[in-house]
């Protein structure tokens, strides 16, 4: 059965701190190197980007588009991210939401409606919308019930729906009467599905994962993979697959198969801390010592693991099996399984002892994805023997270590990424530790 690898959260060059390479033709070309079949367009509320989409895209199937320049190997779905900043119940709320649209015509209607509500959509590719989650849901679903709203990076302290700084304790509190139309949440880099499986209101919702890329190299660092009855599919097939857990039915051509996750400890907000003061706390330390920075007296940024424990209603009963290629697969009854990964360029940086952006790493990356046809193929599908032929013994052993979870991570906190060490057995049986900063 065919697989459809998707990354449905990214940004265009019109968002702050985003590479100028994030245009449709280049995104399409890089997606092919990554092994991504379906990408988000990102940022379709921005006037200049919406014009670019109208020029560069043509509809391939209902609600699924391709690049006029590059062709149909990479497909696009109309997804954008909006920033809702407002006050509710006496507390400031800052929530980022992904909005999926079934076609360009619906996008145009939403753009007009947001502008009528005073939104300055030209300010940024991810604009600040002065509407609550409830008001935005009312506007979006009032225009087309086939749209989807998915809370982005749900646990991020500053902009997650469950975030410690600007979020809520429940989807009901956030979305009110529209809560039953929120059928999925996005994990974000600092959480994984098993953490989300502990939240009662997520028992019947899909847990999806995407890369939130600001440059072509970051696309696909998290993905959601669908199994397909056919290689031809529509927006509605994607929507029905994501909604299936909540609705209890799926009449579409796609099915949620699994997600690929960043190791959550590597994410920037996994533990609690204050980066300026170099203070980092485990959740247990925060419970005993409180949330005040012992150095400066300011409030620590409470991270994802602590926040999950605050809201958890039950434990997880996950178990691990191995895929055919030898990657750990984490699953539980009634749940969509997932794999964990370190992006190939980060693995190569560990092996070479150089920065990810170095010429050596980039040349190695180009050579390997050309030989293997995609990064996804190297990380998840090739056998160890095939990896040895394609990449050589040292890179093969590094990828094997990632597949088996043989690594140590100093967790990230307060906007600082975690650091990784891979434990690789040399042929002499001595342990070779490779560290990534």
Protein backbone atom coordinates (compact mmCIF):
# COMPACT_ATOMS: atom_id res chain seq x y z
CA UNK A 1 0.00 0.00 0.00
CA UNK A 2 1.50 3.41 -0.98
CA UNK A 3 2.64 5.84 1.72
CA UNK A 4 2.13 9.60 1.62
CA UNK A 5 4.74 11.48 3.68
CA UNK A 6 3.45 14.92 4.70
CA UNK A 7 4.74 18.09 6.35
CA UNK A 8 1.78 20.44 6.68
CA UNK A 9 3.28 23.21 8.82
CA UNK A 10 5.92 25.54 7.39
CA UNK A 11 6.45 29.20 6.52
CA UNK A 12 7.11 31.28 3.42
CA UNK A 13 9.75 33.96 2.96
CA UNK A 14 7.13 36.49 4.11
CA UNK A 15 7.28 35.32 7.73
CA UNK A 16 9.81 36.73 10.18
CA UNK A 17 13.17 34.95 10.39
CA UNK A 18 12.46 32.75 7.36
CA UNK A 19 14.84 31.93 4.52
CA UNK A 20 14.26 33.76 1.21
CA UNK A 21 14.49 30.30 -0.41
CA UNK A 22 11.06 29.41 0.95
CA UNK A 23 9.23 29.79 -2.36
CA UNK A 24 7.09 27.15 -4.05
CA UNK A 25 9.58 25.93 -6.71
CA UNK A 26 12.46 25.56 -4.24
CA UNK A 27 10.22 24.03 -1.57
CA UNK A 28 9.03 21.52 -4.16
CA UNK A 29 12.57 20.59 -5.21
CA UNK A 30 13.79 20.21 -1.64
CA UNK A 31 10.75 18.14 -0.66
CA UNK A 32 11.78 15.59 -3.29
CA UNK A 33 15.24 15.35 -1.72
CA UNK A 34 13.68 14.97 1.71
CA UNK A 35 11.21 12.32 0.56
CA UNK A 36 8.13 14.43 1.35
CA UNK A 37 5.12 13.86 -0.90
CA UNK A 38 2.73 16.53 0.40
CA UNK A 39 3.72 19.96 1.76
CA UNK A 40 1.85 22.85 3.30
CA UNK A 41 1.93 26.07 1.33
CA UNK A 42 2.13 28.09 4.54
CA UNK A 43 1.22 31.75 4.97
CA UNK A 44 -1.66 32.00 2.50
CA UNK A 45 -3.16 34.96 4.39
CA UNK A 46 -0.22 37.17 3.31
CA UNK A 47 -1.24 39.18 0.21
CA UNK A 48 2.08 38.82 -1.65
CA UNK A 49 2.37 35.12 -0.85
CA UNK A 50 -1.24 34.47 -1.82
CA UNK A 51 -0.46 36.08 -5.19
CA UNK A 52 2.61 33.82 -5.50
CA UNK A 53 0.44 30.78 -4.79
CA UNK A 54 -2.10 31.80 -7.42
CA UNK A 55 0.69 32.17 -9.99
CA UNK A 56 2.78 29.13 -9.06
CA UNK A 57 0.17 26.49 -8.24
CA UNK A 58 -2.28 24.55 -10.34
CA UNK A 59 -4.88 22.19 -8.94
CA UNK A 60 -3.95 18.52 -9.33
CA UNK A 61 -6.90 17.00 -7.46
CA UNK A 62 -9.61 18.75 -5.42
CA UNK A 63 -7.75 20.93 -2.91
CA UNK A 64 -4.32 19.46 -3.75
CA UNK A 65 -1.95 21.54 -5.86
CA UNK A 66 1.35 21.18 -7.73
CA UNK A 67 4.05 23.61 -8.84
CA UNK A 68 3.65 24.83 -12.43
CA UNK A 69 7.46 25.04 -12.71
CA UNK A 70 8.56 21.82 -11.02
CA UNK A 71 5.72 19.43 -11.77
CA UNK A 72 3.61 16.99 -9.87
CA UNK A 73 6.07 14.97 -7.80
CA UNK A 74 5.52 17.26 -4.79
CA UNK A 75 1.92 18.10 -3.88
CA UNK A 76 0.75 21.10 -1.83
CA UNK A 77 -2.12 21.60 0.60
CA UNK A 78 -3.34 25.05 1.66
CA UNK A 79 -2.31 25.37 5.30
CA UNK A 80 -1.30 28.49 7.22
CA UNK A 81 -0.59 29.53 10.81
CA UNK A 82 -2.38 32.36 12.61
CA UNK A 83 -1.42 33.98 15.92
CA UNK A 84 -4.33 34.77 18.24
CA UNK A 85 -3.32 37.23 20.97
CA UNK A 86 -6.11 38.34 23.32
CA UNK A 87 -7.36 38.30 26.90
CA UNK A 88 -9.78 35.73 28.28
CA UNK A 89 -10.82 35.25 31.90
CA UNK A 90 -8.39 37.96 32.98
CA UNK A 91 -5.35 36.24 31.48
CA UNK A 92 -3.36 37.08 28.36
CA UNK A 93 -3.61 34.33 25.74
CA UNK A 94 -1.18 33.74 22.88
CA UNK A 95 -2.22 30.82 20.69
CA UNK A 96 -0.92 29.67 17.31
CA UNK A 97 -3.39 27.77 15.15
CA UNK A 98 -2.98 25.94 11.84
CA UNK A 99 -5.82 26.59 9.42
CA UNK A 100 -6.37 24.18 6.51
CA UNK A 101 -8.45 25.32 3.53
CA UNK A 102 -10.05 23.14 0.83
CA UNK A 103 -9.20 25.51 -2.05
CA UNK A 104 -7.92 28.95 -3.03
CA UNK A 105 -11.45 30.34 -3.29
CA UNK A 106 -12.12 29.58 0.38
CA UNK A 107 -8.75 31.12 1.28
CA UNK A 108 -9.80 34.33 -0.47
CA UNK A 109 -13.06 34.44 1.52
CA UNK A 110 -11.22 33.95 4.81
CA UNK A 111 -8.71 36.66 3.89
CA UNK A 112 -11.54 39.10 3.16
CA UNK A 113 -13.32 38.25 6.42
CA UNK A 114 -10.15 38.69 8.49
CA UNK A 115 -9.41 42.03 6.86
CA UNK A 116 -12.97 43.12 7.64
CA UNK A 117 -12.23 42.34 11.30
CA UNK A 118 -9.20 44.65 11.20
CA UNK A 119 -6.42 42.08 10.74
CA UNK A 120 -3.23 43.46 9.18
CA UNK A 121 -2.39 40.46 7.05
CA UNK A 122 0.48 42.16 5.25
CA UNK A 123 2.42 42.57 8.50
CA UNK A 124 3.78 39.03 8.55
CA UNK A 125 3.27 35.60 6.99
CA UNK A 126 2.06 34.44 10.40
CA UNK A 127 -0.09 37.46 11.28
CA UNK A 128 -1.39 38.44 14.69
CA UNK A 129 -5.16 38.17 14.67
CA UNK A 130 -7.00 40.11 17.37
CA UNK A 131 -9.59 37.35 17.72
CA UNK A 132 -10.05 34.67 20.33
CA UNK A 133 -9.88 30.98 19.41
CA UNK A 134 -13.66 30.92 19.66
CA UNK A 135 -14.11 33.94 17.41
CA UNK A 136 -11.65 32.63 14.84
CA UNK A 137 -13.32 29.21 14.79
CA UNK A 138 -16.69 30.88 14.30
CA UNK A 139 -15.31 32.90 11.38
CA UNK A 140 -13.50 29.97 9.70
CA UNK A 141 -16.23 27.35 10.05
CA UNK A 142 -18.86 29.93 9.15
CA UNK A 143 -17.19 30.28 5.77
CA UNK A 144 -16.63 26.57 5.11
CA UNK A 145 -17.22 23.56 7.37
CA UNK A 146 -14.60 21.65 5.40
CA UNK A 147 -11.81 23.78 6.83
CA UNK A 148 -9.73 22.37 9.66
CA UNK A 149 -8.22 24.12 12.68
CA UNK A 150 -5.37 22.32 14.42
CA UNK A 151 -3.60 23.88 17.43
CA UNK A 152 0.06 24.29 16.46
CA UNK A 153 2.94 23.00 18.64
CA UNK A 154 0.34 22.49 21.35
CA UNK A 155 2.66 22.55 24.38
CA UNK A 156 5.04 25.40 23.55
CA UNK A 157 5.04 27.68 26.64
CA UNK A 158 4.50 30.92 24.77
CA UNK A 159 2.16 30.03 21.92
CA UNK A 160 0.77 26.54 22.51
CA UNK A 161 -2.88 25.81 23.30
CA UNK A 162 -1.68 24.05 26.49
CA UNK A 163 1.36 26.32 26.96
CA UNK A 164 2.36 27.34 30.48
CA UNK A 165 2.57 31.05 29.65
CA UNK A 166 -0.35 31.82 27.35
CA UNK A 167 -2.43 28.69 26.97
CA UNK A 168 -5.42 26.88 28.45
CA UNK A 169 -6.03 23.79 30.54
CA UNK A 170 -8.49 22.32 28.04
CA UNK A 171 -9.75 22.61 24.49
CA UNK A 172 -13.23 23.28 25.86
CA UNK A 173 -11.93 26.34 27.68
CA UNK A 174 -10.15 27.53 24.54
CA UNK A 175 -12.77 26.80 21.85
CA UNK A 176 -16.09 26.70 23.71
CA UNK A 177 -18.91 25.45 21.49
CA UNK A 178 -16.42 24.73 18.67
CA UNK A 179 -14.42 22.27 20.76
CA UNK A 180 -15.96 19.30 18.96
CA UNK A 181 -14.60 20.61 15.63
CA UNK A 182 -11.00 20.46 16.85
CA UNK A 183 -10.18 16.90 15.82
CA UNK A 184 -6.37 16.97 16.13
CA UNK A 185 -3.43 18.72 17.75
CA UNK A 186 0.19 19.09 16.63
CA UNK A 187 2.83 17.75 19.03
CA UNK A 188 5.56 20.35 18.45
CA UNK A 189 9.27 19.55 18.74
CA UNK A 190 9.32 19.38 22.56
CA UNK A 191 6.60 16.73 22.99
CA UNK A 192 5.89 13.35 21.43
CA UNK A 193 2.66 11.36 21.05
CA UNK A 194 3.22 9.28 24.19
CA UNK A 195 3.21 12.46 26.27
CA UNK A 196 -0.04 13.54 24.58
CA UNK A 197 -1.61 10.12 25.13
CA UNK A 198 -1.78 10.97 28.86
CA UNK A 199 -4.32 13.77 28.27
CA UNK A 200 -7.92 12.59 28.54
CA UNK A 201 -9.46 14.97 26.03
CA UNK A 202 -6.92 13.82 23.43
CA UNK A 203 -7.99 10.17 23.66
CA UNK A 204 -10.29 10.65 20.68
CA UNK A 205 -8.17 13.12 18.74
CA UNK A 206 -5.42 12.63 16.19
CA UNK A 207 -1.89 13.49 17.26
CA UNK A 208 -0.11 14.87 14.19
CA UNK A 209 3.43 16.14 13.73
CA UNK A 210 4.96 18.56 11.25
CA UNK A 211 8.26 20.42 10.90
CA UNK A 212 7.35 24.12 11.36
CA UNK A 213 10.19 24.81 8.91
CA UNK A 214 11.64 28.28 8.36
CA UNK A 215 14.12 27.05 5.73
CA UNK A 216 14.20 24.22 3.19
CA UNK A 217 16.71 22.24 5.28
CA UNK A 218 14.26 22.09 8.22
CA UNK A 219 11.36 20.68 6.22
CA UNK A 220 10.39 17.19 7.29
CA UNK A 221 12.12 17.14 10.67
CA UNK A 222 8.71 15.92 11.86
CA UNK A 223 6.18 14.36 9.49
CA UNK A 224 2.84 12.57 9.45
CA UNK A 225 2.63 9.53 7.17
CA UNK A 226 -0.61 8.32 5.60
CA UNK A 227 -1.23 4.97 3.97
CA UNK A 228 -3.14 5.25 0.73
CA UNK A 229 -5.40 3.05 -1.34
CA UNK A 230 -4.20 4.98 -4.38
CA UNK A 231 -1.61 7.62 -5.23
CA UNK A 232 -4.44 9.95 -6.26
CA UNK A 233 -6.05 11.77 -3.33
CA UNK A 234 -7.83 15.02 -2.47
CA UNK A 235 -7.92 17.53 0.38
CA UNK A 236 -11.04 15.80 1.65
CA UNK A 237 -9.18 12.49 1.90
CA UNK A 238 -6.60 14.18 4.14
CA UNK A 239 -9.31 15.83 6.24
CA UNK A 240 -11.26 12.59 6.66
CA UNK A 241 -8.14 10.67 7.69
CA UNK A 242 -7.22 13.24 10.35
CA UNK A 243 -10.84 13.44 11.58
CA UNK A 244 -11.38 9.67 11.67
CA UNK A 245 -10.40 9.09 15.30
CA UNK A 246 -12.81 11.75 16.55
CA UNK A 247 -15.68 10.92 14.20
CA UNK A 248 -15.24 7.14 14.37
CA UNK A 249 -15.39 6.79 10.59
CA UNK A 250 -13.27 7.38 7.52
CA UNK A 251 -14.81 7.32 4.06
CA UNK A 252 -11.71 8.74 2.35
CA UNK A 253 -8.81 7.17 0.45
CA UNK A 254 -6.13 7.87 3.11
CA UNK A 255 -5.50 6.53 6.58
CA UNK A 256 -3.23 7.89 9.33
CA UNK A 257 -0.35 5.42 9.51
CA UNK A 258 2.34 6.86 11.81
CA UNK A 259 4.25 10.02 12.68
CA UNK A 260 7.97 10.74 12.83
CA UNK A 261 9.05 12.78 15.84
CA UNK A 262 12.02 14.87 16.89
CA UNK A 263 13.40 13.46 20.12
CA UNK A 264 11.36 15.76 22.42
CA UNK A 265 14.27 16.28 24.81
CA UNK A 266 16.10 17.99 21.96
CA UNK A 267 13.30 20.56 21.63
CA UNK A 268 13.77 24.08 22.96
CA UNK A 269 11.17 23.86 25.73
CA UNK A 270 11.29 20.32 27.10
CA UNK A 271 12.44 21.17 30.65
CA UNK A 272 11.98 24.24 32.83
CA UNK A 273 14.54 26.97 33.16
CA UNK A 274 15.92 30.45 32.66
CA UNK A 275 18.43 30.55 29.81
CA UNK A 276 19.96 33.93 30.67
CA UNK A 277 20.93 32.66 34.12
CA UNK A 278 21.88 29.17 32.98
CA UNK A 279 19.26 27.63 35.25
CA UNK A 280 17.59 24.39 34.16
CA UNK A 281 15.23 22.28 36.28
CA UNK A 282 13.71 18.87 35.84
CA UNK A 283 9.96 18.71 36.52
CA UNK A 284 10.74 17.10 39.89
CA UNK A 285 13.03 19.99 40.83
CA UNK A 286 10.39 22.52 39.82
CA UNK A 287 7.81 20.77 42.00
CA UNK A 288 10.06 21.04 45.05
CA UNK A 289 11.82 24.35 44.35
CA UNK A 290 9.05 26.30 42.62
CA UNK A 291 9.10 28.36 39.45
CA UNK A 292 11.22 31.28 40.66
CA UNK A 293 14.72 31.56 39.20
CA UNK A 294 17.19 31.10 42.09
CA UNK A 295 19.66 33.47 40.41
CA UNK A 296 17.62 36.53 39.40
CA UNK A 297 14.24 35.99 41.06
CA UNK A 298 12.26 36.11 37.82
CA UNK A 299 9.80 33.40 36.78
CA UNK A 300 11.23 30.33 35.07
CA UNK A 301 9.83 29.28 31.71
CA UNK A 302 7.91 26.15 32.61
CA UNK A 303 8.53 23.55 29.94
CA UNK A 304 6.53 20.87 28.20
CA UNK A 305 7.25 17.84 30.38
CA UNK A 306 6.15 19.63 33.55
CA UNK A 307 3.04 21.00 31.85
CA UNK A 308 2.05 17.55 30.56
CA UNK A 309 2.31 16.19 34.10
CA UNK A 310 0.09 19.03 35.33
CA UNK A 311 -2.71 18.18 32.89
CA UNK A 312 -2.28 14.40 32.63
CA UNK A 313 -5.31 12.31 33.58
CA UNK A 314 -3.81 8.85 33.11
CA UNK A 315 -0.57 7.01 32.41
CA UNK A 316 0.55 5.70 29.04
CA UNK A 317 0.88 1.99 28.25
CA UNK A 318 3.19 2.28 25.27
CA UNK A 319 5.31 -0.57 23.97
CA UNK A 320 8.20 -0.74 21.51
CA UNK A 321 8.64 -2.93 18.45
CA UNK A 322 11.09 -2.70 15.55
CA UNK A 323 10.24 -1.85 11.96
CA UNK A 324 11.61 -3.93 9.09
CA UNK A 325 14.56 -1.52 8.85
CA UNK A 326 15.26 -1.76 12.59
CA UNK A 327 13.76 1.52 13.85
CA UNK A 328 12.04 1.61 17.23
CA UNK A 329 8.28 2.01 16.79
CA UNK A 330 6.30 3.23 19.82
CA UNK A 331 2.64 2.31 19.94
CA UNK A 332 -0.30 1.72 22.27
CA UNK A 333 -3.76 0.24 21.91
CA UNK A 334 -5.99 2.46 19.80
CA UNK A 335 -3.19 4.91 19.03
CA UNK A 336 -1.33 5.89 15.87
CA UNK A 337 2.28 4.68 16.35
CA UNK A 338 5.35 6.82 15.91
CA UNK A 339 9.08 6.72 15.22
CA UNK A 340 11.76 9.05 16.57
CA UNK A 341 14.47 10.60 14.43
CA UNK A 342 17.41 12.95 14.25
CA UNK A 343 17.62 14.82 10.91
CA UNK A 344 20.28 13.47 8.57
CA UNK A 345 22.28 16.70 8.49
CA UNK A 346 22.53 16.63 12.29
CA UNK A 347 23.72 13.01 12.19
CA UNK A 348 26.37 13.91 9.61
CA UNK A 349 27.49 16.85 11.75
CA UNK A 350 28.01 14.42 14.65
CA UNK A 351 29.99 12.02 12.49
CA UNK A 352 32.15 14.73 10.92
CA UNK A 353 32.59 16.77 14.10
CA UNK A 354 31.55 19.90 12.21
CA UNK A 355 28.66 22.37 12.15
CA UNK A 356 25.47 21.41 10.33
CA UNK A 357 26.01 24.36 7.98
CA UNK A 358 29.61 23.38 7.13
CA UNK A 359 30.64 22.64 3.56
CA UNK A 360 31.72 19.12 4.53
CA UNK A 361 28.31 18.23 5.97
CA UNK A 362 26.44 19.77 3.05
CA UNK A 363 28.54 17.88 0.50
CA UNK A 364 28.00 14.62 2.36
CA UNK A 365 24.28 15.29 2.55
CA UNK A 366 24.04 16.02 -1.17
CA UNK A 367 25.98 12.86 -2.03
CA UNK A 368 23.86 10.61 0.19
CA UNK A 369 20.40 11.87 -0.78
CA UNK A 370 21.38 11.63 -4.44
CA UNK A 371 22.53 8.04 -3.97
CA UNK A 372 19.54 7.01 -1.83
CA UNK A 373 16.97 9.18 -3.68
CA UNK A 374 15.77 10.82 -0.43
CA UNK A 375 16.62 11.52 3.19
CA UNK A 376 13.53 9.59 4.32
CA UNK A 377 14.81 6.51 2.49
CA UNK A 378 18.15 6.67 4.31
CA UNK A 379 16.73 7.26 7.77
CA UNK A 380 13.83 4.81 7.78
CA UNK A 381 13.71 2.39 4.84
CA UNK A 382 17.19 1.20 3.96
CA UNK A 383 18.52 -1.98 5.55
CA UNK A 384 21.83 -1.76 7.41
CA UNK A 385 23.57 -3.59 4.57
CA UNK A 386 22.18 -1.08 2.06
CA UNK A 387 23.23 1.79 4.33
CA UNK A 388 26.74 0.39 4.57
CA UNK A 389 27.04 0.29 0.78
CA UNK A 390 25.50 3.73 0.29
CA UNK A 391 26.90 5.68 3.24
CA UNK A 392 29.81 3.74 4.72
CA UNK A 393 30.27 2.03 8.06
CA UNK A 394 30.49 5.06 10.36
CA UNK A 395 27.38 6.81 9.03
CA UNK A 396 25.54 3.49 8.99
CA UNK A 397 26.34 2.96 12.68
CA UNK A 398 25.28 6.51 13.54
CA UNK A 399 21.91 6.04 11.79
CA UNK A 400 21.51 2.67 13.48
CA UNK A 401 22.11 4.28 16.89
CA UNK A 402 19.38 6.84 16.18
CA UNK A 403 16.98 4.14 14.99
CA UNK A 404 17.49 2.22 18.24
CA UNK A 405 17.44 5.24 20.54
CA UNK A 406 21.06 4.74 21.60
CA UNK A 407 21.71 8.34 22.55
CA UNK A 408 21.95 10.63 25.52
CA UNK A 409 20.28 14.03 25.48
CA UNK A 410 20.71 17.01 27.76
CA UNK A 411 17.17 18.43 27.43
CA UNK A 412 16.45 21.83 25.97
CA UNK A 413 14.90 24.61 28.05
CA UNK A 414 13.72 28.23 27.74
CA UNK A 415 14.41 28.50 24.01
CA UNK A 416 17.67 26.53 23.99
CA UNK A 417 17.86 23.27 22.04
CA UNK A 418 19.00 20.14 23.83
CA UNK A 419 22.35 18.51 23.07
CA UNK A 420 22.70 14.96 21.74
CA UNK A 421 25.33 12.29 22.18
CA UNK A 422 25.15 9.12 20.10
CA UNK A 423 26.68 5.95 21.50
CA UNK A 424 28.25 4.01 18.66
CA UNK A 425 30.07 0.72 19.04
CA UNK A 426 33.31 0.61 17.10
CA UNK A 427 34.47 -2.66 15.63
CA UNK A 428 36.94 -2.88 18.53
CA UNK A 429 33.87 -2.74 20.84
CA UNK A 430 35.05 0.57 22.30
CA UNK A 431 32.32 3.17 22.65
CA UNK A 432 32.61 6.19 20.41
CA UNK A 433 30.57 9.17 21.65
CA UNK A 434 29.57 11.80 19.13
CA UNK A 435 28.14 15.03 20.50
CA UNK A 436 25.94 17.57 18.76
CA UNK A 437 25.55 21.08 20.16
